[in-house]
Amino acid sequence: MSPRFTSVLISVFASSALLLTSAADAAPKKTKADAAKEKEAKDKAAEEEAAKQKAAEEEEAAKQKAAEEEAAKQKADEEAAAKAGADKEAADKDKADKDTLVADAEAGSSPVEQPGKTYYGVGLRYRAIIVPKFMMNLFGDGGRTIVANGVGPEFIIRKNGFEYEFSAMYTGYGMDPTAFKASTDGPDAWEIVESQLKVLYLTADFNWSHEVVPQFAINYGFGAGVGFVFGNLYRTQAYPGMGADPSTGDGFVKCNAPGNPGVTTSTNLPYCGSDNNHYNGYTEPSWANGGSKPVIFPWLALQTGVRYKPHRNFIARFDVGFATSGFFLGLGADYGL
């Protein structure tokens, strides 16, 4: 290599180095402010990216929730539709059953009663009215438990499980000769009382029914009415016989007349006195004539019982209750019109 070529080559290298050095000097240099701005821009871009990602996640969650709600609504609609179908099927079956019962009722022999239709019946009733001694003792001493038998026709109007029962009932309140007196009177006031009283009751009963089966129902309700009293109530003064008990009247017998028989007791009480004329079949007058025998007597009762209707044209009842005159047991038999 010649010295000249070497000089030229060195000059080229030197020029290239100068050129490279000049290019490097010409390139701009970053300052601290620029670095901060660049970092801020990167951070902002990262925040925006995070915000976009969060928004995307929230949107996805909202879509998922909406899808779940839609699925739940669809399931609820399906369940409601299924329930409505089941209810309709049950209602259709119940209606078909009722239609069958109504058809049977219209055939003429079924005991089934159609809603909204009025039924009528006519028949007889019997009631055994028990007047217990303790009820007599509310008004006086002595007495006895008696059973008054009542019988009479009845007419029934019935609709939708409720019925009216109208009745005229003849009842006999017979009582064998029995010692009786007012609670405030002394032992010398005992009398032998005998009753042949009768009462004609005009009553109305109002009964609701709880059906167990079409043929059988439980009744409950009340009754009200008035009784017209007639017949005789006999009173005769009494004196203590052998072994008589002045506190209860047991063993007392009728006097024949004032002072007859003459009775002497340890208390020297004036038995068979002349203070009244209750001798020889004395009959107590009614209220209208100044006596104590009532002219009318109220009937108020609470009652329950059972109703049996095996056929459209036959109805039977068994009644129990408590009325103003005592406890009662009753039977009724009616022909359905």
C-alpha atoms as a PDB file:
ATOM      1  CA  MET A   1       0.000   0.000   0.000  1.00  0.00           C
ATOM      2  CA  SER A   2       1.391   3.333  -1.000  1.00  0.00           C
ATOM      3  CA  PRO A   3       1.780   6.126   1.472  1.00  0.00           C
ATOM      4  CA  ARG A   4      -0.584   8.231  -0.494  1.00  0.00           C
ATOM      5  CA  PHE A   5      -3.377   5.655  -0.417  1.00  0.00           C
ATOM      6  CA  THR A   6      -2.911   5.266   3.274  1.00  0.00           C
ATOM      7  CA  SER A   7      -3.299   8.991   3.821  1.00  0.00           C
ATOM      8  CA  VAL A   8      -6.428   9.060   1.777  1.00  0.00           C
ATOM      9  CA  LEU A   9      -7.904   6.141   3.711  1.00  0.00           C
ATOM     10  CA  ILE A  10      -7.099   7.791   7.012  1.00  0.00           C
ATOM     11  CA  SER A  11      -8.734  10.996   5.772  1.00  0.00           C
ATOM     12  CA  VAL A  12     -11.865   9.081   4.827  1.00  0.00           C
ATOM     13  CA  PHE A  13     -12.047   7.447   8.242  1.00  0.00           C
ATOM     14  CA  ALA A  14     -11.517  10.783   9.895  1.00  0.00           C
ATOM     15  CA  SER A  15     -14.243  12.393   7.825  1.00  0.00           C
ATOM     16  CA  SER A  16     -16.659   9.553   8.598  1.00  0.00           C
ATOM     17  CA  ALA A  17     -15.966   9.857  12.291  1.00  0.00           C
ATOM     18  CA  LEU A  18     -16.541  13.576  12.068  1.00  0.00           C
ATOM     19  CA  LEU A  19     -19.756  12.952  10.185  1.00  0.00           C
ATOM     20  CA  LEU A  20     -20.927  10.407  12.683  1.00  0.00           C
ATOM     21  CA  THR A  21     -20.010  12.687  15.503  1.00  0.00           C
ATOM     22  CA  SER A  22     -21.900  15.542  13.903  1.00  0.00           C
ATOM     23  CA  ALA A  23     -25.016  13.391  13.406  1.00  0.00           C
ATOM     24  CA  ALA A  24     -24.944  12.349  17.019  1.00  0.00           C
ATOM     25  CA  ASP A  25     -24.624  15.930  18.119  1.00  0.00           C
ATOM     26  CA  ALA A  26     -27.441  16.937  15.837  1.00  0.00           C
ATOM     27  CA  ALA A  27     -29.945  14.391  17.437  1.00  0.00           C
ATOM     28  CA  PRO A  28     -32.147  16.004  20.122  1.00  0.00           C
ATOM     29  CA  LYS A  29     -31.614  14.974  23.701  1.00  0.00           C
ATOM     30  CA  LYS A  30     -34.504  14.235  26.140  1.00  0.00           C
ATOM     31  CA  THR A  31     -34.877  16.462  29.149  1.00  0.00           C
ATOM     32  CA  LYS A  32     -36.310  15.462  32.571  1.00  0.00           C
ATOM     33  CA  ALA A  33     -39.548  17.301  31.773  1.00  0.00           C
ATOM     34  CA  ASP A  34     -39.921  15.313  28.603  1.00  0.00           C
ATOM     35  CA  ALA A  35     -39.401  12.090  30.521  1.00  0.00           C
ATOM     36  CA  ALA A  36     -42.032  13.103  33.053  1.00  0.00           C
ATOM     37  CA  LYS A  37     -44.516  13.932  30.321  1.00  0.00           C
ATOM     38  CA  GLU A  38     -43.833  10.649  28.620  1.00  0.00           C
ATOM     39  CA  LYS A  39     -44.389   8.788  31.898  1.00  0.00           C
ATOM     40  CA  GLU A  40     -47.585  10.759  32.548  1.00  0.00           C
ATOM     41  CA  ALA A  41     -48.835   9.894  29.053  1.00  0.00           C
ATOM     42  CA  LYS A  42     -48.058   6.230  29.615  1.00  0.00           C
ATOM     43  CA  ASP A  43     -49.803   6.292  32.967  1.00  0.00           C
ATOM     44  CA  LYS A  44     -52.838   7.988  31.462  1.00  0.00           C
ATOM     45  CA  ALA A  45     -52.901   5.483  28.658  1.00  0.00           C
ATOM     46  CA  ALA A  46     -52.659   2.670  31.209  1.00  0.00           C
ATOM     47  CA  GLU A  47     -55.513   4.204  33.260  1.00  0.00           C
ATOM     48  CA  GLU A  48     -57.644   4.577  30.136  1.00  0.00           C
ATOM     49  CA  GLU A  49     -56.913   0.993  29.228  1.00  0.00           C
ATOM     50  CA  ALA A  50     -57.813  -0.127  32.772  1.00  0.00           C
ATOM     51  CA  ALA A  51     -60.996   1.961  32.631  1.00  0.00           C
ATOM     52  CA  LYS A  52     -61.921   0.428  29.283  1.00  0.00           C
ATOM     53  CA  GLN A  53     -61.262  -3.034  30.664  1.00  0.00           C
ATOM     54  CA  LYS A  54     -63.352  -2.300  33.788  1.00  0.00           C
ATOM     55  CA  ALA A  55     -66.154  -0.890  31.648  1.00  0.00           C
ATOM     56  CA  ALA A  56     -65.976  -3.971  29.481  1.00  0.00           C
ATOM     57  CA  GLU A  57     -66.111  -6.206  32.566  1.00  0.00           C
ATOM     58  CA  GLU A  58     -69.063  -4.255  33.979  1.00  0.00           C
ATOM     59  CA  GLU A  59     -70.868  -4.463  30.656  1.00  0.00           C
ATOM     60  CA  GLU A  60     -70.232  -8.195  30.555  1.00  0.00           C
ATOM     61  CA  ALA A  61     -71.491  -8.554  34.147  1.00  0.00           C
ATOM     62  CA  ALA A  62     -74.604  -6.513  33.289  1.00  0.00           C
ATOM     63  CA  LYS A  63     -75.233  -8.733  30.276  1.00  0.00           C
ATOM     64  CA  GLN A  64     -74.785 -11.809  32.464  1.00  0.00           C
ATOM     65  CA  LYS A  65     -77.179 -10.434  35.115  1.00  0.00           C
ATOM     66  CA  ALA A  66     -79.721  -9.514  32.445  1.00  0.00           C
ATOM     67  CA  ALA A  67     -79.437 -13.006  31.014  1.00  0.00           C
ATOM     68  CA  GLU A  68     -79.932 -14.541  34.474  1.00  0.00           C
ATOM     69  CA  GLU A  69     -82.948 -12.292  35.171  1.00  0.00           C
ATOM     70  CA  GLU A  70     -84.423 -13.178  31.818  1.00  0.00           C
ATOM     71  CA  ALA A  71     -83.895 -16.871  32.560  1.00  0.00           C
ATOM     72  CA  ALA A  72     -85.494 -16.487  36.013  1.00  0.00           C
ATOM     73  CA  LYS A  73     -88.444 -14.579  34.500  1.00  0.00           C
ATOM     74  CA  GLN A  74     -88.874 -17.216  31.858  1.00  0.00           C
ATOM     75  CA  LYS A  75     -88.790 -19.949  34.530  1.00  0.00           C
ATOM     76  CA  ALA A  76     -91.314 -18.042  36.686  1.00  0.00           C
ATOM     77  CA  ASP A  77     -93.575 -17.586  33.641  1.00  0.00           C
ATOM     78  CA  GLU A  78     -93.323 -21.293  32.889  1.00  0.00           C
ATOM     79  CA  GLU A  79     -94.145 -22.193  36.525  1.00  0.00           C
ATOM     80  CA  ALA A  80     -97.065 -19.729  36.560  1.00  0.00           C
ATOM     81  CA  ALA A  81     -98.348 -21.166  33.304  1.00  0.00           C
ATOM     82  CA  ALA A  82     -98.014 -24.692  34.702  1.00  0.00           C
ATOM     83  CA  LYS A  83     -99.864 -23.686  37.912  1.00  0.00           C
ATOM     84  CA  ALA A  84    -102.586 -21.946  35.925  1.00  0.00           C
ATOM     85  CA  GLY A  85    -102.963 -25.063  33.826  1.00  0.00           C
ATOM     86  CA  ALA A  86    -103.170 -27.263  36.923  1.00  0.00           C
ATOM     87  CA  ASP A  87    -105.698 -24.908  38.549  1.00  0.00           C
ATOM     88  CA  LYS A  88    -107.792 -24.873  35.394  1.00  0.00           C
ATOM     89  CA  GLU A  89    -107.648 -28.637  35.208  1.00  0.00           C
ATOM     90  CA  ALA A  90    -108.738 -28.915  38.866  1.00  0.00           C
ATOM     91  CA  ALA A  91    -111.506 -26.352  38.317  1.00  0.00           C
ATOM     92  CA  ASP A  92    -112.672 -28.204  35.226  1.00  0.00           C
ATOM     93  CA  LYS A  93    -112.712 -31.472  37.180  1.00  0.00           C
ATOM     94  CA  ASP A  94    -114.591 -29.845  40.072  1.00  0.00           C
ATOM     95  CA  LYS A  95    -117.099 -28.344  37.643  1.00  0.00           C
ATOM     96  CA  ALA A  96    -117.505 -31.715  35.946  1.00  0.00           C
ATOM     97  CA  ASP A  97    -118.121 -33.345  39.334  1.00  0.00           C
ATOM     98  CA  LYS A  98    -120.669 -30.665  40.246  1.00  0.00           C
ATOM     99  CA  ASP A  99    -122.325 -30.997  36.867  1.00  0.00           C
ATOM    100  CA  THR A 100    -122.612 -34.717  37.499  1.00  0.00           C
ATOM    101  CA  LEU A 101    -124.130 -34.119  40.942  1.00  0.00           C
ATOM    102  CA  VAL A 102    -126.538 -31.564  39.495  1.00  0.00           C
ATOM    103  CA  ALA A 103    -127.514 -33.996  36.773  1.00  0.00           C
ATOM    104  CA  ASP A 104    -128.162 -36.620  39.441  1.00  0.00           C
ATOM    105  CA  ALA A 105    -130.176 -34.092  41.447  1.00  0.00           C
ATOM    106  CA  GLU A 106    -132.243 -33.227  38.399  1.00  0.00           C
ATOM    107  CA  ALA A 107    -132.910 -36.913  37.900  1.00  0.00           C
ATOM    108  CA  GLY A 108    -135.223 -36.667  40.923  1.00  0.00           C
ATOM    109  CA  SER A 109    -133.793 -39.015  43.579  1.00  0.00           C
ATOM    110  CA  SER A 110    -130.438 -37.519  44.549  1.00  0.00           C
ATOM    111  CA  PRO A 111    -130.090 -35.802  47.961  1.00  0.00           C
ATOM    112  CA  VAL A 112    -127.769 -33.205  46.417  1.00  0.00           C
ATOM    113  CA  GLU A 113    -129.059 -29.646  46.756  1.00  0.00           C
ATOM    114  CA  GLN A 114    -128.229 -27.206  43.983  1.00  0.00           C
ATOM    115  CA  PRO A 115    -126.742 -23.799  44.910  1.00  0.00           C
ATOM    116  CA  GLY A 116    -129.230 -20.964  44.663  1.00  0.00           C
ATOM    117  CA  LYS A 117    -132.261 -23.257  44.553  1.00  0.00           C
ATOM    118  CA  THR A 118    -134.988 -23.126  47.232  1.00  0.00           C
ATOM    119  CA  TYR A 119    -136.253 -26.383  48.720  1.00  0.00           C
ATOM    120  CA  TYR A 120    -139.424 -26.952  50.719  1.00  0.00           C
ATOM    121  CA  GLY A 121    -140.437 -29.665  53.122  1.00  0.00           C
ATOM    122  CA  VAL A 122    -143.377 -30.514  55.328  1.00  0.00           C
ATOM    123  CA  GLY A 123    -143.529 -33.020  58.169  1.00  0.00           C
ATOM    124  CA  LEU A 124    -143.732 -33.664  61.902  1.00  0.00           C
ATOM    125  CA  ARG A 125    -141.520 -32.971  64.877  1.00  0.00           C
ATOM    126  CA  TYR A 126    -141.284 -34.413  68.368  1.00  0.00           C
ATOM    127  CA  ARG A 127    -139.472 -32.909  71.318  1.00  0.00           C
ATOM    128  CA  ALA A 128    -138.915 -34.242  74.788  1.00  0.00           C
ATOM    129  CA  ILE A 129    -138.500 -31.164  76.983  1.00  0.00           C
ATOM    130  CA  ILE A 130    -136.737 -31.981  80.234  1.00  0.00           C
ATOM    131  CA  VAL A 131    -137.533 -29.576  83.064  1.00  0.00           C
ATOM    132  CA  PRO A 132    -134.962 -30.434  85.757  1.00  0.00           C
ATOM    133  CA  LYS A 133    -135.703 -30.026  89.432  1.00  0.00           C
ATOM    134  CA  PHE A 134    -132.847 -27.549  89.843  1.00  0.00           C
ATOM    135  CA  MET A 135    -134.623 -25.171  87.454  1.00  0.00           C
ATOM    136  CA  MET A 136    -137.776 -25.375  89.603  1.00  0.00           C
ATOM    137  CA  ASN A 137    -135.628 -24.662  92.634  1.00  0.00           C
ATOM    138  CA  LEU A 138    -134.644 -21.342  91.077  1.00  0.00           C
ATOM    139  CA  PHE A 139    -138.165 -20.221  91.962  1.00  0.00           C
ATOM    140  CA  GLY A 140    -139.045 -22.330  94.995  1.00  0.00           C
ATOM    141  CA  ASP A 141    -138.416 -25.422  97.126  1.00  0.00           C
ATOM    142  CA  GLY A 142    -139.465 -28.965  96.311  1.00  0.00           C
ATOM    143  CA  GLY A 143    -140.660 -29.978  92.887  1.00  0.00           C
ATOM    144  CA  ARG A 144    -139.317 -32.761  90.697  1.00  0.00           C
ATOM    145  CA  THR A 145    -137.785 -33.327  87.279  1.00  0.00           C
ATOM    146  CA  ILE A 146    -140.456 -33.755  84.623  1.00  0.00           C
ATOM    147  CA  VAL A 147    -140.441 -34.597  80.915  1.00  0.00           C
ATOM    148  CA  ALA A 148    -142.865 -32.624  78.753  1.00  0.00           C
ATOM    149  CA  ASN A 149    -143.682 -34.291  75.432  1.00  0.00           C
ATOM    150  CA  GLY A 150    -144.323 -32.035  72.464  1.00  0.00           C
ATOM    151  CA  VAL A 151    -145.456 -32.923  68.951  1.00  0.00           C
ATOM    152  CA  GLY A 152    -146.660 -30.954  65.957  1.00  0.00           C
ATOM    153  CA  PRO A 153    -146.362 -30.190  62.249  1.00  0.00           C
ATOM    154  CA  GLU A 154    -143.506 -28.245  60.713  1.00  0.00           C
ATOM    155  CA  PHE A 155    -142.837 -26.498  57.421  1.00  0.00           C
ATOM    156  CA  ILE A 156    -139.284 -26.017  56.121  1.00  0.00           C
ATOM    157  CA  ILE A 157    -137.783 -23.552  53.667  1.00  0.00           C
ATOM    158  CA  ARG A 158    -134.138 -24.230  52.764  1.00  0.00           C
ATOM    159  CA  LYS A 159    -131.591 -22.554  50.472  1.00  0.00           C
ATOM    160  CA  ASN A 160    -127.783 -22.685  50.264  1.00  0.00           C
ATOM    161  CA  GLY A 161    -127.397 -24.689  53.480  1.00  0.00           C
ATOM    162  CA  PHE A 162    -129.658 -22.439  55.594  1.00  0.00           C
ATOM    163  CA  GLU A 163    -133.200 -23.279  56.585  1.00  0.00           C
ATOM    164  CA  TYR A 164    -136.238 -21.877  58.363  1.00  0.00           C
ATOM    165  CA  GLU A 165    -138.384 -24.322  60.330  1.00  0.00           C
ATOM    166  CA  PHE A 166    -141.855 -23.109  61.245  1.00  0.00           C
ATOM    167  CA  SER A 167    -143.779 -25.237  63.721  1.00  0.00           C
ATOM    168  CA  ALA A 168    -146.953 -25.431  65.817  1.00  0.00           C
ATOM    169  CA  MET A 169    -146.203 -27.798  68.716  1.00  0.00           C
ATOM    170  CA  TYR A 170    -148.593 -29.052  71.366  1.00  0.00           C
ATOM    171  CA  THR A 171    -146.773 -29.822  74.644  1.00  0.00           C
ATOM    172  CA  GLY A 172    -148.110 -31.289  77.864  1.00  0.00           C
ATOM    173  CA  TYR A 173    -146.443 -30.234  81.139  1.00  0.00           C
ATOM    174  CA  GLY A 174    -148.055 -32.855  83.338  1.00  0.00           C
ATOM    175  CA  MET A 175    -146.715 -33.344  86.877  1.00  0.00           C
ATOM    176  CA  ASP A 176    -147.925 -35.795  89.523  1.00  0.00           C
ATOM    177  CA  PRO A 177    -148.819 -34.403  92.980  1.00  0.00           C
ATOM    178  CA  THR A 178    -145.589 -32.918  94.321  1.00  0.00           C
ATOM    179  CA  ALA A 179    -144.729 -30.818  97.379  1.00  0.00           C
ATOM    180  CA  PHE A 180    -143.752 -27.251  96.520  1.00  0.00           C
ATOM    181  CA  LYS A 181    -143.493 -23.842  98.188  1.00  0.00           C
ATOM    182  CA  ALA A 182    -141.835 -20.474  97.760  1.00  0.00           C
ATOM    183  CA  SER A 183    -138.260 -20.336  99.035  1.00  0.00           C
ATOM    184  CA  THR A 184    -139.081 -17.437 101.343  1.00  0.00           C
ATOM    185  CA  ASP A 185    -142.015 -19.210 103.017  1.00  0.00           C
ATOM    186  CA  GLY A 186    -141.797 -21.311 106.169  1.00  0.00           C
ATOM    187  CA  PRO A 187    -142.420 -25.074 106.511  1.00  0.00           C
ATOM    188  CA  ASP A 188    -146.134 -24.491 107.108  1.00  0.00           C
ATOM    189  CA  ALA A 189    -146.465 -23.161 103.528  1.00  0.00           C
ATOM    190  CA  TRP A 190    -145.891 -26.506 101.795  1.00  0.00           C
ATOM    191  CA  GLU A 191    -148.566 -27.361  99.257  1.00  0.00           C
ATOM    192  CA  ILE A 192    -149.201 -30.357  97.042  1.00  0.00           C
ATOM    193  CA  VAL A 193    -149.122 -29.132  93.460  1.00  0.00           C
ATOM    194  CA  GLU A 194    -150.428 -31.106  90.480  1.00  0.00           C
ATOM    195  CA  SER A 195    -150.059 -29.881  86.911  1.00  0.00           C
ATOM    196  CA  GLN A 196    -152.215 -30.578  83.873  1.00  0.00           C
ATOM    197  CA  LEU A 197    -150.869 -27.587  81.980  1.00  0.00           C
ATOM    198  CA  LYS A 198    -150.574 -27.622  78.217  1.00  0.00           C
ATOM    199  CA  VAL A 199    -148.799 -25.198  75.928  1.00  0.00           C
ATOM    200  CA  LEU A 200    -149.301 -24.592  72.216  1.00  0.00           C
ATOM    201  CA  TYR A 201    -145.996 -23.275  70.892  1.00  0.00           C
ATOM    202  CA  LEU A 202    -145.691 -21.321  67.655  1.00  0.00           C
ATOM    203  CA  THR A 203    -141.988 -21.257  66.868  1.00  0.00           C
ATOM    204  CA  ALA A 204    -139.449 -20.560  64.152  1.00  0.00           C
ATOM    205  CA  ASP A 205    -136.035 -22.216  64.067  1.00  0.00           C
ATOM    206  CA  PHE A 206    -133.099 -20.815  62.122  1.00  0.00           C
ATOM    207  CA  ASN A 207    -130.471 -23.437  61.319  1.00  0.00           C
ATOM    208  CA  TRP A 208    -127.220 -23.441  59.403  1.00  0.00           C
ATOM    209  CA  SER A 209    -125.808 -26.707  58.046  1.00  0.00           C
ATOM    210  CA  HIS A 210    -122.221 -27.894  57.692  1.00  0.00           C
ATOM    211  CA  GLU A 211    -122.297 -30.603  55.048  1.00  0.00           C
ATOM    212  CA  VAL A 212    -120.117 -33.656  55.657  1.00  0.00           C
ATOM    213  CA  VAL A 213    -121.411 -35.601  52.655  1.00  0.00           C
ATOM    214  CA  PRO A 214    -124.491 -34.807  50.535  1.00  0.00           C
ATOM    215  CA  GLN A 215    -126.589 -37.105  52.732  1.00  0.00           C
ATOM    216  CA  PHE A 216    -125.311 -35.990  56.122  1.00  0.00           C
ATOM    217  CA  ALA A 217    -124.831 -32.558  57.726  1.00  0.00           C
ATOM    218  CA  ILE A 218    -124.379 -30.963  61.139  1.00  0.00           C
ATOM    219  CA  ASN A 219    -126.964 -28.346  62.093  1.00  0.00           C
ATOM    220  CA  TYR A 220    -126.590 -25.408  64.470  1.00  0.00           C
ATOM    221  CA  GLY A 221    -128.741 -22.381  65.171  1.00  0.00           C
ATOM    222  CA  PHE A 222    -131.428 -20.939  67.405  1.00  0.00           C
ATOM    223  CA  GLY A 223    -135.168 -20.801  67.804  1.00  0.00           C
ATOM    224  CA  ALA A 224    -137.732 -18.274  68.986  1.00  0.00           C
ATOM    225  CA  GLY A 225    -141.454 -18.243  69.517  1.00  0.00           C
ATOM    226  CA  VAL A 226    -144.331 -17.947  71.950  1.00  0.00           C
ATOM    227  CA  GLY A 227    -146.438 -20.490  73.804  1.00  0.00           C
ATOM    228  CA  PHE A 228    -150.107 -20.136  74.737  1.00  0.00           C
ATOM    229  CA  VAL A 229    -150.784 -21.765  78.120  1.00  0.00           C
ATOM    230  CA  PHE A 230    -153.997 -23.564  79.065  1.00  0.00           C
ATOM    231  CA  GLY A 231    -155.028 -26.431  81.361  1.00  0.00           C
ATOM    232  CA  ASN A 232    -155.247 -26.635  85.147  1.00  0.00           C
ATOM    233  CA  LEU A 233    -152.737 -26.208  87.949  1.00  0.00           C
ATOM    234  CA  TYR A 234    -154.039 -27.658  91.232  1.00  0.00           C
ATOM    235  CA  ARG A 235    -152.828 -26.513  94.667  1.00  0.00           C
ATOM    236  CA  THR A 236    -153.716 -28.018  98.056  1.00  0.00           C
ATOM    237  CA  GLN A 237    -152.344 -27.097 101.468  1.00  0.00           C
ATOM    238  CA  ALA A 238    -150.288 -29.898 103.027  1.00  0.00           C
ATOM    239  CA  TYR A 239    -149.190 -31.147 106.411  1.00  0.00           C
ATOM    240  CA  PRO A 240    -146.287 -33.434 107.400  1.00  0.00           C
ATOM    241  CA  GLY A 241    -147.127 -37.130 107.350  1.00  0.00           C
ATOM    242  CA  MET A 242    -145.243 -39.849 109.148  1.00  0.00           C
ATOM    243  CA  GLY A 243    -141.500 -39.345 108.673  1.00  0.00           C
ATOM    244  CA  ALA A 244    -141.945 -36.140 106.637  1.00  0.00           C
ATOM    245  CA  ASP A 245    -139.031 -33.800 106.049  1.00  0.00           C
ATOM    246  CA  PRO A 246    -140.084 -30.122 106.446  1.00  0.00           C
ATOM    247  CA  SER A 247    -136.937 -28.925 104.668  1.00  0.00           C
ATOM    248  CA  THR A 248    -137.681 -30.765 101.395  1.00  0.00           C
ATOM    249  CA  GLY A 249    -141.428 -31.418 101.555  1.00  0.00           C
ATOM    250  CA  ASP A 250    -140.928 -35.173 101.315  1.00  0.00           C
ATOM    251  CA  GLY A 251    -143.700 -37.017 103.137  1.00  0.00           C
ATOM    252  CA  PHE A 252    -146.182 -34.112 103.114  1.00  0.00           C
ATOM    253  CA  VAL A 253    -149.807 -34.980 102.306  1.00  0.00           C
ATOM    254  CA  LYS A 254    -152.902 -32.998 101.321  1.00  0.00           C
ATOM    255  CA  CYS A 255    -155.081 -31.349 103.965  1.00  0.00           C
ATOM    256  CA  ASN A 256    -158.785 -32.156 103.815  1.00  0.00           C
ATOM    257  CA  ALA A 257    -160.008 -28.750 104.922  1.00  0.00           C
ATOM    258  CA  PRO A 258    -158.954 -25.888 107.169  1.00  0.00           C
ATOM    259  CA  GLY A 259    -157.988 -27.466 110.495  1.00  0.00           C
ATOM    260  CA  ASN A 260    -158.581 -30.971 109.121  1.00  0.00           C
ATOM    261  CA  PRO A 261    -156.710 -32.897 110.125  1.00  0.00           C
ATOM    262  CA  GLY A 262    -155.610 -31.152 113.256  1.00  0.00           C
ATOM    263  CA  VAL A 263    -151.839 -31.411 113.253  1.00  0.00           C
ATOM    264  CA  THR A 264    -149.635 -30.905 116.278  1.00  0.00           C
ATOM    265  CA  THR A 265    -145.881 -30.714 115.765  1.00  0.00           C
ATOM    266  CA  SER A 266    -142.966 -29.907 117.962  1.00  0.00           C
ATOM    267  CA  THR A 267    -142.841 -26.451 116.351  1.00  0.00           C
ATOM    268  CA  ASN A 268    -146.594 -25.817 116.782  1.00  0.00           C
ATOM    269  CA  LEU A 269    -146.820 -24.547 113.196  1.00  0.00           C
ATOM    270  CA  PRO A 270    -150.369 -23.927 111.900  1.00  0.00           C
ATOM    271  CA  TYR A 271    -150.635 -26.574 109.166  1.00  0.00           C
ATOM    272  CA  CYS A 272    -153.944 -26.760 107.250  1.00  0.00           C
ATOM    273  CA  GLY A 273    -154.628 -23.164 108.174  1.00  0.00           C
ATOM    274  CA  SER A 274    -157.329 -20.841 106.989  1.00  0.00           C
ATOM    275  CA  ASP A 275    -155.028 -18.236 105.475  1.00  0.00           C
ATOM    276  CA  ASN A 276    -156.119 -19.301 101.960  1.00  0.00           C
ATOM    277  CA  ASN A 277    -158.710 -21.557 100.315  1.00  0.00           C
ATOM    278  CA  HIS A 278    -156.304 -24.015  98.684  1.00  0.00           C
ATOM    279  CA  TYR A 279    -158.426 -27.113  99.436  1.00  0.00           C
ATOM    280  CA  ASN A 280    -160.577 -29.642  97.621  1.00  0.00           C
ATOM    281  CA  GLY A 281    -159.001 -29.365  94.160  1.00  0.00           C
ATOM    282  CA  TYR A 282    -158.337 -25.631  94.171  1.00  0.00           C
ATOM    283  CA  THR A 283    -157.370 -24.495  90.668  1.00  0.00           C
ATOM    284  CA  GLU A 284    -154.843 -21.683  90.306  1.00  0.00           C
ATOM    285  CA  PRO A 285    -156.295 -18.835  88.196  1.00  0.00           C
ATOM    286  CA  SER A 286    -154.369 -17.306  85.294  1.00  0.00           C
ATOM    287  CA  TRP A 287    -152.701 -13.939  85.180  1.00  0.00           C
ATOM    288  CA  ALA A 288    -155.845 -12.550  83.600  1.00  0.00           C
ATOM    289  CA  ASN A 289    -157.817 -13.490  86.727  1.00  0.00           C
ATOM    290  CA  GLY A 290    -155.253 -12.392  89.286  1.00  0.00           C
ATOM    291  CA  GLY A 291    -153.535 -15.759  89.685  1.00  0.00           C
ATOM    292  CA  SER A 292    -149.975 -16.951  89.077  1.00  0.00           C
ATOM    293  CA  LYS A 293    -150.639 -19.265  86.117  1.00  0.00           C
ATOM    294  CA  PRO A 294    -149.133 -17.672  82.984  1.00  0.00           C
ATOM    295  CA  VAL A 295    -151.201 -17.003  79.888  1.00  0.00           C
ATOM    296  CA  ILE A 296    -148.255 -16.964  77.484  1.00  0.00           C
ATOM    297  CA  PHE A 297    -144.771 -18.390  77.798  1.00  0.00           C
ATOM    298  CA  PRO A 298    -141.738 -17.397  75.664  1.00  0.00           C
ATOM    299  CA  TRP A 299    -139.704 -19.923  73.718  1.00  0.00           C
ATOM    300  CA  LEU A 300    -136.023 -19.076  73.175  1.00  0.00           C
ATOM    301  CA  ALA A 301    -133.567 -21.826  72.351  1.00  0.00           C
ATOM    302  CA  LEU A 302    -130.018 -22.599  71.280  1.00  0.00           C
ATOM    303  CA  GLN A 303    -129.703 -25.860  69.412  1.00  0.00           C
ATOM    304  CA  THR A 304    -127.574 -28.169  67.337  1.00  0.00           C
ATOM    305  CA  GLY A 305    -127.976 -31.615  65.837  1.00  0.00           C
ATOM    306  CA  VAL A 306    -127.587 -33.731  62.730  1.00  0.00           C
ATOM    307  CA  ARG A 307    -129.481 -33.811  59.451  1.00  0.00           C
ATOM    308  CA  TYR A 308    -129.855 -36.925  57.318  1.00  0.00           C
ATOM    309  CA  LYS A 309    -131.186 -36.793  53.760  1.00  0.00           C
ATOM    310  CA  PRO A 310    -130.831 -40.150  51.987  1.00  0.00           C
ATOM    311  CA  HIS A 311    -133.329 -39.225  49.268  1.00  0.00           C
ATOM    312  CA  ARG A 312    -134.546 -36.032  47.658  1.00  0.00           C
ATOM    313  CA  ASN A 313    -137.978 -36.503  49.222  1.00  0.00           C
ATOM    314  CA  PHE A 314    -137.012 -37.537  52.749  1.00  0.00           C
ATOM    315  CA  ILE A 315    -135.246 -35.546  55.463  1.00  0.00           C
ATOM    316  CA  ALA A 316    -134.689 -36.600  59.075  1.00  0.00           C
ATOM    317  CA  ARG A 317    -133.216 -34.590  61.971  1.00  0.00           C
ATOM    318  CA  PHE A 318    -132.038 -35.180  65.498  1.00  0.00           C
ATOM    319  CA  ASP A 319    -131.936 -32.015  67.612  1.00  0.00           C
ATOM    320  CA  VAL A 320    -130.548 -31.198  71.046  1.00  0.00           C
ATOM    321  CA  GLY A 321    -130.664 -27.862  72.792  1.00  0.00           C
ATOM    322  CA  PHE A 322    -131.512 -25.689  75.735  1.00  0.00           C
ATOM    323  CA  ALA A 323    -134.603 -23.500  75.875  1.00  0.00           C
ATOM    324  CA  THR A 324    -136.391 -21.249  78.345  1.00  0.00           C
ATOM    325  CA  SER A 325    -138.315 -24.244  79.725  1.00  0.00           C
ATOM    326  CA  GLY A 326    -135.362 -26.649  79.959  1.00  0.00           C
ATOM    327  CA  PHE A 327    -133.231 -29.019  77.926  1.00  0.00           C
ATOM    328  CA  PHE A 328    -134.722 -30.838  74.973  1.00  0.00           C
ATOM    329  CA  LEU A 329    -134.150 -33.717  72.599  1.00  0.00           C
ATOM    330  CA  GLY A 330    -135.953 -33.657  69.285  1.00  0.00           C
ATOM    331  CA  LEU A 331    -136.723 -35.670  66.168  1.00  0.00           C
ATOM    332  CA  GLY A 332    -138.000 -34.397  62.858  1.00  0.00           C
ATOM    333  CA  ALA A 333    -139.156 -36.185  59.718  1.00  0.00           C
ATOM    334  CA  ASP A 334    -140.087 -34.253  56.582  1.00  0.00           C
ATOM    335  CA  TYR A 335    -141.176 -34.880  53.033  1.00  0.00           C
ATOM    336  CA  GLY A 336    -139.303 -32.826  50.460  1.00  0.00           C
ATOM    337  CA  LEU A 337    -141.689 -31.069  48.104  1.00  0.00           C
END
